[in-house]
Structures are given as structure tokens and as C-alpha cells.
C-alpha atoms as a PDB file:
ATOM      1  CA  MET A   1     115.846  87.166  83.877  1.00  0.00           C
ATOM      2  CA  GLY A   2     112.969  89.346  85.501  1.00  0.00           C
ATOM      3  CA  ILE A   3     110.438  88.753  88.052  1.00  0.00           C
ATOM      4  CA  LYS A   4     107.766  86.298  87.214  1.00  0.00           C
ATOM      5  CA  ILE A   5     104.546  86.380  88.996  1.00  0.00           C
ATOM      6  CA  ILE A   6     101.420  84.410  89.391  1.00  0.00           C
ATOM      7  CA  PHE A   7      98.632  85.794  91.622  1.00  0.00           C
ATOM      8  CA  VAL A   8      96.546  82.913  92.443  1.00  0.00           C
ATOM      9  CA  ASP A   9      92.774  82.673  94.286  1.00  0.00           C
ATOM     10  CA  SER A  10      92.063  80.931  96.875  1.00  0.00           C
ATOM     11  CA  ASP A  11      88.655  79.935  97.344  1.00  0.00           C
ATOM     12  CA  GLY A  12      87.171  77.429  94.622  1.00  0.00           C
ATOM     13  CA  THR A  13      91.110  77.740  92.865  1.00  0.00           C
ATOM     14  CA  VAL A  14      93.478  76.020  95.167  1.00  0.00           C
ATOM     15  CA  MET A  15      90.833  75.328  98.166  1.00  0.00           C
ATOM     16  CA  ASP A  16      88.076  73.276  97.289  1.00  0.00           C
ATOM     17  CA  SER A  17      85.888  74.696  98.718  1.00  0.00           C
ATOM     18  CA  MET A  18      83.556  76.558  97.250  1.00  0.00           C
ATOM     19  CA  THR A  19      80.558  74.497  97.126  1.00  0.00           C
ATOM     20  CA  PRO A  20      81.200  73.050 101.485  1.00  0.00           C
ATOM     21  CA  LYS A  21      81.218  77.312 102.019  1.00  0.00           C
ATOM     22  CA  HIS A  22      78.364  78.200 100.427  1.00  0.00           C
ATOM     23  CA  MET A  23      76.282  75.426 101.300  1.00  0.00           C
ATOM     24  CA  THR A  24      76.989  75.222 105.358  1.00  0.00           C
ATOM     25  CA  SER A  25      77.579  79.301 105.611  1.00  0.00           C
ATOM     26  CA  PHE A  26      77.123  81.856 103.190  1.00  0.00           C
ATOM     27  CA  GLY A  27      73.055  80.719 102.774  1.00  0.00           C
ATOM     28  CA  PRO A  28      71.869  79.363 105.461  1.00  0.00           C
ATOM     29  CA  ALA A  29      73.987  82.435 107.429  1.00  0.00           C
ATOM     30  CA  MET A  30      71.335  85.051 104.850  1.00  0.00           C
ATOM     31  CA  ILE A  31      68.768  82.296 105.749  1.00  0.00           C
ATOM     32  CA  ASP A  32      68.573  83.315 109.470  1.00  0.00           C
ATOM     33  CA  ILE A  33      69.850  87.077 109.862  1.00  0.00           C
ATOM     34  CA  PHE A  34      67.223  87.855 107.333  1.00  0.00           C
ATOM     35  CA  ASN A  35      64.520  85.575 108.636  1.00  0.00           C
ATOM     36  CA  LEU A  36      64.198  83.819 105.209  1.00  0.00           C
ATOM     37  CA  LYS A  37      62.884  80.323 106.017  1.00  0.00           C
ATOM     38  CA  ASP A  38      59.343  80.355 104.608  1.00  0.00           C
ATOM     39  CA  ASN A  39      61.419  80.229 101.335  1.00  0.00           C
ATOM     40  CA  GLU A  40      65.057  78.364 102.186  1.00  0.00           C
ATOM     41  CA  LYS A  41      64.372  76.551  99.463  1.00  0.00           C
ATOM     42  CA  GLU A  42      63.974  78.444  96.482  1.00  0.00           C
ATOM     43  CA  ILE A  43      66.629  81.331  97.979  1.00  0.00           C
ATOM     44  CA  LEU A  44      69.055  79.120  98.154  1.00  0.00           C
ATOM     45  CA  GLU A  45      68.558  77.082  95.332  1.00  0.00           C
ATOM     46  CA  LYS A  46      68.924  81.014  93.672  1.00  0.00           C
ATOM     47  CA  TRP A  47      72.051  81.926  95.560  1.00  0.00           C
ATOM     48  CA  ASN A  48      74.061  78.461  95.147  1.00  0.00           C
ATOM     49  CA  MET A  49      72.822  79.454  90.863  1.00  0.00           C
ATOM     50  CA  ILE A  50      74.362  82.976  91.140  1.00  0.00           C
ATOM     51  CA  ASN A  51      77.839  81.918  93.547  1.00  0.00           C
ATOM     52  CA  LEU A  52      78.572  78.961  92.305  1.00  0.00           C
ATOM     53  CA  TYR A  53      76.540  77.394  88.842  1.00  0.00           C
ATOM     54  CA  SER A  54      76.426  80.522  86.660  1.00  0.00           C
ATOM     55  CA  LEU A  55      79.140  82.719  84.962  1.00  0.00           C
ATOM     56  CA  SER A  56      78.655  85.117  88.111  1.00  0.00           C
ATOM     57  CA  ARG A  57      80.467  82.111  90.639  1.00  0.00           C
ATOM     58  CA  GLY A  58      83.005  83.891  92.323  1.00  0.00           C
ATOM     59  CA  ILE A  59      81.370  87.159  92.605  1.00  0.00           C
ATOM     60  CA  ASN A  60      82.290  89.550  95.516  1.00  0.00           C
ATOM     61  CA  ARG A  61      80.195  87.853  98.552  1.00  0.00           C
ATOM     62  CA  PHE A  62      78.695  91.501  99.254  1.00  0.00           C
ATOM     63  CA  ASP A  63      77.566  91.664  95.868  1.00  0.00           C
ATOM     64  CA  GLY A  64      76.146  88.223  96.079  1.00  0.00           C
ATOM     65  CA  LEU A  65      74.342  88.771  99.025  1.00  0.00           C
ATOM     66  CA  TYR A  66      73.041  92.184  97.285  1.00  0.00           C
ATOM     67  CA  GLN A  67      72.026  90.412  93.993  1.00  0.00           C
ATOM     68  CA  CYS A  68      69.904  87.859  95.743  1.00  0.00           C
ATOM     69  CA  LEU A  69      67.927  89.979  98.369  1.00  0.00           C
ATOM     70  CA  LEU A  70      66.857  92.188  94.779  1.00  0.00           C
ATOM     71  CA  TYR A  71      65.764  88.678  94.514  1.00  0.00           C
ATOM     72  CA  VAL A  72      63.474  87.915  96.994  1.00  0.00           C
ATOM     73  CA  ASP A  73      62.851  91.681  97.177  1.00  0.00           C
ATOM     74  CA  SER A  74      61.233  90.761  94.169  1.00  0.00           C
ATOM     75  CA  ASN A  75      59.377  87.170  94.669  1.00  0.00           C
ATOM     76  CA  PHE A  76      58.653  86.960  98.559  1.00  0.00           C
ATOM     77  CA  LYS A  77      59.708  89.822 101.243  1.00  0.00           C
ATOM     78  CA  LYS A  78      60.018  93.418 100.691  1.00  0.00           C
ATOM     79  CA  ILE A  79      63.819  94.065 101.903  1.00  0.00           C
ATOM     80  CA  ASP A  80      63.840  98.172 102.664  1.00  0.00           C
ATOM     81  CA  LEU A  81      67.577  98.209 103.172  1.00  0.00           C
ATOM     82  CA  LEU A  82      68.417  96.863  98.658  1.00  0.00           C
ATOM     83  CA  ASP A  83      68.994 101.300  97.738  1.00  0.00           C
ATOM     84  CA  GLN A  84      71.791 101.941 100.555  1.00  0.00           C
ATOM     85  CA  TYR A  85      73.124  99.213 100.089  1.00  0.00           C
ATOM     86  CA  LYS A  86      73.397  99.084  96.541  1.00  0.00           C
ATOM     87  CA  TYR A  87      74.974 102.746  97.229  1.00  0.00           C
ATOM     88  CA  TRP A  88      77.418 101.568  99.355  1.00  0.00           C
ATOM     89  CA  LEU A  89      78.486  98.537  96.758  1.00  0.00           C
ATOM     90  CA  ASP A  90      78.575 101.271  94.235  1.00  0.00           C
ATOM     91  CA  THR A  91      80.875 103.877  95.903  1.00  0.00           C
ATOM     92  CA  THR A  92      83.303 101.434  98.332  1.00  0.00           C
ATOM     93  CA  ASN A  93      87.155 100.995  96.468  1.00  0.00           C
ATOM     94  CA  LYS A  94      86.997  98.026  99.881  1.00  0.00           C
ATOM     95  CA  LYS A  95      84.103  96.030 100.068  1.00  0.00           C
ATOM     96  CA  SER A  96      84.493  94.241 103.418  1.00  0.00           C
ATOM     97  CA  ASN A  97      82.866  94.658 107.143  1.00  0.00           C
ATOM     98  CA  GLN A  98      85.187  96.994 108.532  1.00  0.00           C
ATOM     99  CA  SER A  99      84.888  99.365 105.345  1.00  0.00           C
ATOM    100  CA  LEU A 100      80.799  98.991 105.619  1.00  0.00           C
ATOM    101  CA  LEU A 101      80.885  99.800 109.270  1.00  0.00           C
ATOM    102  CA  ASP A 102      82.801 102.679 108.856  1.00  0.00           C
ATOM    103  CA  TYR A 103      80.201 103.719 106.107  1.00  0.00           C
ATOM    104  CA  ILE A 104      77.710 103.165 108.711  1.00  0.00           C
ATOM    105  CA  GLU A 105      79.018 105.230 111.193  1.00  0.00           C
ATOM    106  CA  LYS A 106      79.513 107.903 108.408  1.00  0.00           C
ATOM    107  CA  THR A 107      76.381 107.744 107.403  1.00  0.00           C
ATOM    108  CA  GLY A 108      73.814 106.164 109.862  1.00  0.00           C
ATOM    109  CA  HIS A 109      72.574 104.056 107.685  1.00  0.00           C
ATOM    110  CA  LYS A 110      71.925 101.564 110.996  1.00  0.00           C
ATOM    111  CA  GLU A 111      69.525  99.131 108.622  1.00  0.00           C
ATOM    112  CA  LEU A 112      72.763  97.147 106.689  1.00  0.00           C
ATOM    113  CA  LEU A 113      74.015  96.383 110.148  1.00  0.00           C
ATOM    114  CA  SER A 114      72.338  93.402 109.284  1.00  0.00           C
ATOM    115  CA  VAL A 115      74.786  92.835 106.266  1.00  0.00           C
ATOM    116  CA  VAL A 116      77.597  93.423 108.527  1.00  0.00           C
ATOM    117  CA  LYS A 117      75.978  90.681 110.655  1.00  0.00           C
ATOM    118  CA  TRP A 118      75.129  88.307 107.901  1.00  0.00           C
ATOM    119  CA  SER A 119      79.526  88.513 107.035  1.00  0.00           C
ATOM    120  CA  GLU A 120      80.436  88.143 110.475  1.00  0.00           C
ATOM    121  CA  GLU A 121      78.011  85.349 111.113  1.00  0.00           C
ATOM    122  CA  THR A 122      79.283  83.697 107.497  1.00  0.00           C
ATOM    123  CA  ASN A 123      82.990  84.111 108.508  1.00  0.00           C
ATOM    124  CA  ARG A 124      81.732  82.989 112.059  1.00  0.00           C
ATOM    125  CA  ARG A 125      80.187  79.209 110.146  1.00  0.00           C
ATOM    126  CA  ILE A 126      83.420  78.759 108.133  1.00  0.00           C
ATOM    127  CA  ALA A 127      85.225  78.091 110.791  1.00  0.00           C
ATOM    128  CA  LEU A 128      83.754  76.694 112.737  1.00  0.00           C
ATOM    129  CA  SER A 129      83.511  74.312 109.304  1.00  0.00           C
ATOM    130  CA  ALA A 130      86.898  74.577 108.481  1.00  0.00           C
ATOM    131  CA  GLU A 131      87.464  70.549 108.557  1.00  0.00           C
ATOM    132  CA  LEU A 132      85.064  70.268 104.976  1.00  0.00           C
ATOM    133  CA  VAL A 133      87.768  72.590 103.521  1.00  0.00           C
ATOM    134  CA  LYS A 134      91.233  71.144 101.747  1.00  0.00           C
ATOM    135  CA  PRO A 135      93.196  72.023  98.330  1.00  0.00           C
ATOM    136  CA  PHE A 136      92.445  69.914  95.091  1.00  0.00           C
ATOM    137  CA  GLU A 137      94.673  67.353  94.695  1.00  0.00           C
ATOM    138  CA  TYR A 138      97.650  68.153  92.895  1.00  0.00           C
ATOM    139  CA  ALA A 139      96.912  71.771  94.319  1.00  0.00           C
ATOM    140  CA  ILE A 140     100.187  71.674  96.257  1.00  0.00           C
ATOM    141  CA  GLU A 141     102.296  69.905  94.435  1.00  0.00           C
ATOM    142  CA  GLY A 142     101.293  73.002  91.619  1.00  0.00           C
ATOM    143  CA  ILE A 143     101.979  75.892  93.935  1.00  0.00           C
ATOM    144  CA  SER A 144     105.214  74.265  95.398  1.00  0.00           C
ATOM    145  CA  LEU A 145     106.114  73.928  90.995  1.00  0.00           C
ATOM    146  CA  LEU A 146     105.668  77.064  90.120  1.00  0.00           C
ATOM    147  CA  HIS A 147     106.742  78.510  93.366  1.00  0.00           C
ATOM    148  CA  ASN A 148     110.480  77.603  91.831  1.00  0.00           C
ATOM    149  CA  ASN A 149     110.449  79.980  88.798  1.00  0.00           C
ATOM    150  CA  PHE A 150     107.728  82.254  90.434  1.00  0.00           C
ATOM    151  CA  LYS A 151     106.683  83.999  92.603  1.00  0.00           C
ATOM    152  CA  ILE A 152     103.640  83.079  94.172  1.00  0.00           C
ATOM    153  CA  MET A 153     100.761  86.294  95.232  1.00  0.00           C
ATOM    154  CA  ILE A 154      97.153  85.008  96.404  1.00  0.00           C
ATOM    155  CA  ILE A 155      95.018  86.996  95.064  1.00  0.00           C
ATOM    156  CA  SER A 156      90.720  86.932  97.055  1.00  0.00           C
ATOM    157  CA  SER A 157      88.241  88.892  97.933  1.00  0.00           C
ATOM    158  CA  ALA A 158      88.012  86.378 101.500  1.00  0.00           C
ATOM    159  CA  ASN A 159      88.547  87.256 104.739  1.00  0.00           C
ATOM    160  CA  GLY A 160      92.428  87.388 105.084  1.00  0.00           C
ATOM    161  CA  LYS A 161      92.813  85.663 108.204  1.00  0.00           C
ATOM    162  CA  ALA A 162      90.757  82.765 106.856  1.00  0.00           C
ATOM    163  CA  VAL A 163      92.760  82.343 103.954  1.00  0.00           C
ATOM    164  CA  ARG A 164      96.227  82.762 105.965  1.00  0.00           C
ATOM    165  CA  ASP A 165      94.744  80.085 108.411  1.00  0.00           C
ATOM    166  CA  GLU A 166      93.565  77.752 105.554  1.00  0.00           C
ATOM    167  CA  TRP A 167      97.273  78.268 103.152  1.00  0.00           C
ATOM    168  CA  THR A 168      99.635  78.192 106.266  1.00  0.00           C
ATOM    169  CA  LYS A 169      96.933  74.594 107.922  1.00  0.00           C
ATOM    170  CA  PHE A 170      98.101  73.035 104.485  1.00  0.00           C
ATOM    171  CA  GLY A 171     101.669  74.130 103.922  1.00  0.00           C
ATOM    172  CA  LEU A 172     100.862  76.073 101.431  1.00  0.00           C
ATOM    173  CA  PHE A 173     101.919  79.376 103.067  1.00  0.00           C
ATOM    174  CA  ASN A 174     105.520  78.501 102.156  1.00  0.00           C
ATOM    175  CA  PHE A 175     105.392  79.318  99.223  1.00  0.00           C
ATOM    176  CA  CYS A 176     103.576  82.291  99.051  1.00  0.00           C
ATOM    177  CA  ASP A 177     105.359  85.964  98.304  1.00  0.00           C
ATOM    178  CA  GLU A 178     102.393  88.386  99.111  1.00  0.00           C
ATOM    179  CA  ILE A 179      98.922  87.637 100.232  1.00  0.00           C
ATOM    180  CA  LEU A 180      96.457  89.683  98.693  1.00  0.00           C
ATOM    181  CA  THR A 181      93.008  90.019 100.579  1.00  0.00           C
ATOM    182  CA  GLN A 182      89.401  92.154 100.582  1.00  0.00           C
ATOM    183  CA  GLU A 183      90.622  93.958 103.663  1.00  0.00           C
ATOM    184  CA  MET A 184      93.375  95.505 100.973  1.00  0.00           C
ATOM    185  CA  GLY A 185      90.963  96.448  97.897  1.00  0.00           C
ATOM    186  CA  THR A 186      89.546  94.535  94.518  1.00  0.00           C
ATOM    187  CA  LYS A 187      91.240  92.361  92.936  1.00  0.00           C
ATOM    188  CA  GLU A 188      92.037  94.337  90.149  1.00  0.00           C
ATOM    189  CA  VAL A 189      93.162  96.939  92.269  1.00  0.00           C
ATOM    190  CA  CYS A 190      95.928  94.378  94.361  1.00  0.00           C
ATOM    191  CA  ILE A 191      96.723  92.924  91.046  1.00  0.00           C
ATOM    192  CA  ALA A 192      97.510  96.597  89.383  1.00  0.00           C
ATOM    193  CA  LYS A 193      99.322  97.881  92.390  1.00  0.00           C
ATOM    194  CA  MET A 194     102.042  94.677  92.123  1.00  0.00           C
ATOM    195  CA  ILE A 195     101.669  94.967  88.830  1.00  0.00           C
ATOM    196  CA  GLU A 196     103.333  98.661  88.999  1.00  0.00           C
ATOM    197  CA  LYS A 197     105.524  97.580  92.225  1.00  0.00           C
ATOM    198  CA  TYR A 198     107.532  94.556  90.457  1.00  0.00           C
ATOM    199  CA  GLN A 199     107.345  95.511  86.709  1.00  0.00           C
ATOM    200  CA  PRO A 200     106.932  91.530  86.092  1.00  0.00           C
ATOM    201  CA  GLU A 201     108.792  90.407  82.867  1.00  0.00           C
ATOM    202  CA  GLU A 202     105.311  87.331  82.833  1.00  0.00           C
ATOM    203  CA  ALA A 203     101.972  87.758  84.656  1.00  0.00           C
ATOM    204  CA  ILE A 204      99.591  84.862  84.982  1.00  0.00           C
ATOM    205  CA  MET A 205      96.450  84.594  86.863  1.00  0.00           C
ATOM    206  CA  ILE A 206      94.882  81.618  87.560  1.00  0.00           C
ATOM    207  CA  GLY A 207      91.598  80.891  89.026  1.00  0.00           C
ATOM    208  CA  ASP A 208      88.547  79.967  88.850  1.00  0.00           C
ATOM    209  CA  SER A 209      85.597  81.795  88.088  1.00  0.00           C
ATOM    210  CA  PRO A 210      84.680  84.342  84.939  1.00  0.00           C
ATOM    211  CA  LEU A 211      85.324  87.498  87.411  1.00  0.00           C
ATOM    212  CA  ASP A 212      88.700  86.211  88.156  1.00  0.00           C
ATOM    213  CA  TYR A 213      88.957  85.765  83.964  1.00  0.00           C
ATOM    214  CA  GLU A 214      87.619  89.760  84.222  1.00  0.00           C
ATOM    215  CA  VAL A 215      90.173  90.897  86.452  1.00  0.00           C
ATOM    216  CA  ALA A 216      93.266  89.070  84.564  1.00  0.00           C
ATOM    217  CA  LYS A 217      91.723  90.695  80.871  1.00  0.00           C
ATOM    218  CA  HIS A 218      91.541  94.012  83.031  1.00  0.00           C
ATOM    219  CA  ASN A 219      95.747  93.998  83.850  1.00  0.00           C
ATOM    220  CA  LYS A 220      96.369  92.573  80.718  1.00  0.00           C
ATOM    221  CA  ILE A 221      98.183  89.734  82.112  1.00  0.00           C
ATOM    222  CA  LEU A 222      97.307  85.853  81.230  1.00  0.00           C
ATOM    223  CA  PHE A 223      94.810  83.720  82.356  1.00  0.00           C
ATOM    224  CA  TYR A 224      94.413  80.472  83.692  1.00  0.00           C
ATOM    225  CA  PRO A 225      91.042  78.265  84.398  1.00  0.00           C
ATOM    226  CA  ILE A 226      90.309  76.110  87.557  1.00  0.00           C
ATOM    227  CA  ILE A 227      87.368  74.067  86.140  1.00  0.00           C
ATOM    228  CA  PRO A 228      85.000  73.804  88.379  1.00  0.00           C
ATOM    229  CA  LYS A 229      83.806  70.031  89.354  1.00  0.00           C
ATOM    230  CA  MET A 230      87.825  69.078  87.194  1.00  0.00           C
ATOM    231  CA  GLY A 231      89.754  70.677  89.883  1.00  0.00           C
ATOM    232  CA  ASN A 232      91.949  68.188  90.304  1.00  0.00           C
ATOM    233  CA  ASP A 233      92.330  67.787  86.340  1.00  0.00           C
ATOM    234  CA  SER A 234      93.229  71.402  86.077  1.00  0.00           C
ATOM    235  CA  TRP A 235      95.737  71.120  88.706  1.00  0.00           C
ATOM    236  CA  LYS A 236      97.118  67.995  87.430  1.00  0.00           C
ATOM    237  CA  GLU A 237      97.359  70.168  83.677  1.00  0.00           C
ATOM    238  CA  ILE A 238      99.474  72.379  84.990  1.00  0.00           C
ATOM    239  CA  CYS A 239     102.388  69.611  86.901  1.00  0.00           C
ATOM    240  CA  ASP A 240     102.018  68.120  83.318  1.00  0.00           C
ATOM    241  CA  LYS A 241     102.307  70.615  81.004  1.00  0.00           C
ATOM    242  CA  TYR A 242     100.983  73.909  81.959  1.00  0.00           C
ATOM    243  CA  ALA A 243     103.562  74.862  84.242  1.00  0.00           C
ATOM    244  CA  GLU A 244     106.378  74.498  81.653  1.00  0.00           C
ATOM    245  CA  MET A 245     104.445  76.401  79.543  1.00  0.00           C
ATOM    246  CA  PHE A 246     104.092  79.368  81.582  1.00  0.00           C
ATOM    247  CA  LEU A 247     107.702  79.925  81.684  1.00  0.00           C
ATOM    248  CA  ASN A 248     108.541  79.214  78.951  1.00  0.00           C
ATOM    249  CA  LYS A 249     106.137  81.868  77.739  1.00  0.00           C
ATOM    250  CA  GLU A 250     104.470  79.974  75.382  1.00  0.00           C
ATOM    251  CA  TYR A 251     100.421  79.249  77.383  1.00  0.00           C
ATOM    252  CA  LYS A 252      99.850  82.734  75.092  1.00  0.00           C
ATOM    253  CA  LYS A 253      99.335  80.354  72.155  1.00  0.00           C
ATOM    254  CA  VAL A 254      96.431  78.323  73.560  1.00  0.00           C
ATOM    255  CA  GLU A 255      94.627  80.657  76.227  1.00  0.00           C
ATOM    256  CA  ASN A 256      91.894  81.299  74.402  1.00  0.00           C
ATOM    257  CA  LYS A 257      91.232  77.836  73.942  1.00  0.00           C
ATOM    258  CA  VAL A 258      91.741  77.327  77.785  1.00  0.00           C
ATOM    259  CA  ILE A 259      88.987  79.823  78.438  1.00  0.00           C
ATOM    260  CA  GLU A 260      86.425  78.301  75.798  1.00  0.00           C
ATOM    261  CA  LYS A 261      86.511  75.197  77.715  1.00  0.00           C
ATOM    262  CA  PHE A 262      86.500  77.121  81.286  1.00  0.00           C
ATOM    263  CA  ILE A 263      83.322  79.195  79.772  1.00  0.00           C
ATOM    264  CA  ASN A 264      81.424  76.617  77.923  1.00  0.00           C
ATOM    265  CA  SER A 265      81.263  74.639  81.716  1.00  0.00           C
ATOM    266  CA  LEU A 266      79.726  77.331  83.186  1.00  0.00           C
ATOM    267  CA  LYS A 267      76.567  77.747  80.999  1.00  0.00           C
END
């Protein structure tokens, strides 16, 4: 029997972390770093809509910041770094702090240091609010169950150390065969590399955003959604029903119906 792989996102998928991280860290850090206090309420509402409550849920942090700063520039305050920021986003193959620092060193566009400062400040605040983050109910049971028959590979656009620390804290890292995070490239690239390396008989991605779904389809693998605001139920269904369907190659028959419910939850 050939190798089987589960690619599993972390934030908002295994960890009930998306909402607390955006509410306490990402958005507030943007307000402080870019001096946006005068219009804080409206800007934070826009940040949360982009990152939590729409079809762009799960967007990479740097893309999310660009979209929100574009909104600020159009409605409240001139943001001078947008053109260079967009160029970096469009040309880099690694959206990470180090990649942006390398770009700044190469080009001299020091105005982009505020983006690095924001990302670093976000990481600092996430670390300080770590007690707010915990796995969804049934997620540990689900990962343990899946690990009996599948290689488990974390696939995350988040900071690698933060992901590793969270999984270790809750005893989940023992079930992890590979950890693929922002420092290693985009989710699309990382999954493609693992598929080329292992040539799996079956590969499925578990994620919580339409972007995760697009990543899965780009790599021609199946997708199972953790539905926002229904994370506990989504994992319970893995334990009760879908883990067996993954193993027996029966999930493909119902995938479209499951994804339709997921997409409708974000409209």
C-alpha cells in the first residue's frame, strides 16, 4: 500500500486561533505601527472582514496588510509605501520577514521596514497572548486517528517557530511528519514539493479558508474544510465519519457537497 498524506493547516484549522490572533495582535499592531488611531474602529472592522469573515479568510498576513493599507490609503490617510510593497508581493516566492528584509537590503527601500516592524510586533503580541490559543475540541483526537494511516504534514503560512511551539504545547507535534511554514515558500510550492518527493497514493488537505481550497485544487488533491464558527463540529465529523472515508477513498464522492456548505458559510 502506498504512502498517504494529510496536509493540515494550523491557524483556524487545528488551533482555534484565528479570531484571537487577529483581534489581539494583527489588527491592533497595524493600528499602532502605522499610526491609524484616528480611524481605528473602521480600519479594524475592515481588517477583520478581510482576514476572518469573507472569502479572503486565511490570506497571507502580508497580503492582508496590503489590502487593508490600500483601504486606508483610499479612505483615510496616504500610505506611501504601497507601490514598492505590491512589487515585492508580486515578485517574491517567500512572503516572510526575512524575504522582505533581503528585498529591502537589495533595493534600499527602507520605507518597507515598517512592514517588517509590524510583522515582528504581531509575532511578539501573539507570543504574549498564547494562552488564548488552544486546539478545537476533537482536533487532537482527529489528528491522532488520521496519523494511524497517513503522514501528517503541517502546511502553514504562519511563523514556523510559533506553529511548532503551539503543536508541541498541546502534544500534537508527536503526530507530525513534516512541518512546512512561511519560511519554506508558499503553500502551493510546499505541497508540490512533498507530492514530488513522496508520490503519495492519496493526499488530502484540511484547511479553514477558500485560499486553502485553492491550494489543494492547484495541486490536484482533495480538500476537507474546517468551517468557521463550526470548528468543533468539523473535527467531530472527521472522527465519526470522514477519517474512514479518507482511508477508503470514498470522500471524493461527497467532497463537492461538503465544500459547498463551507463556501456558503463565508458569503
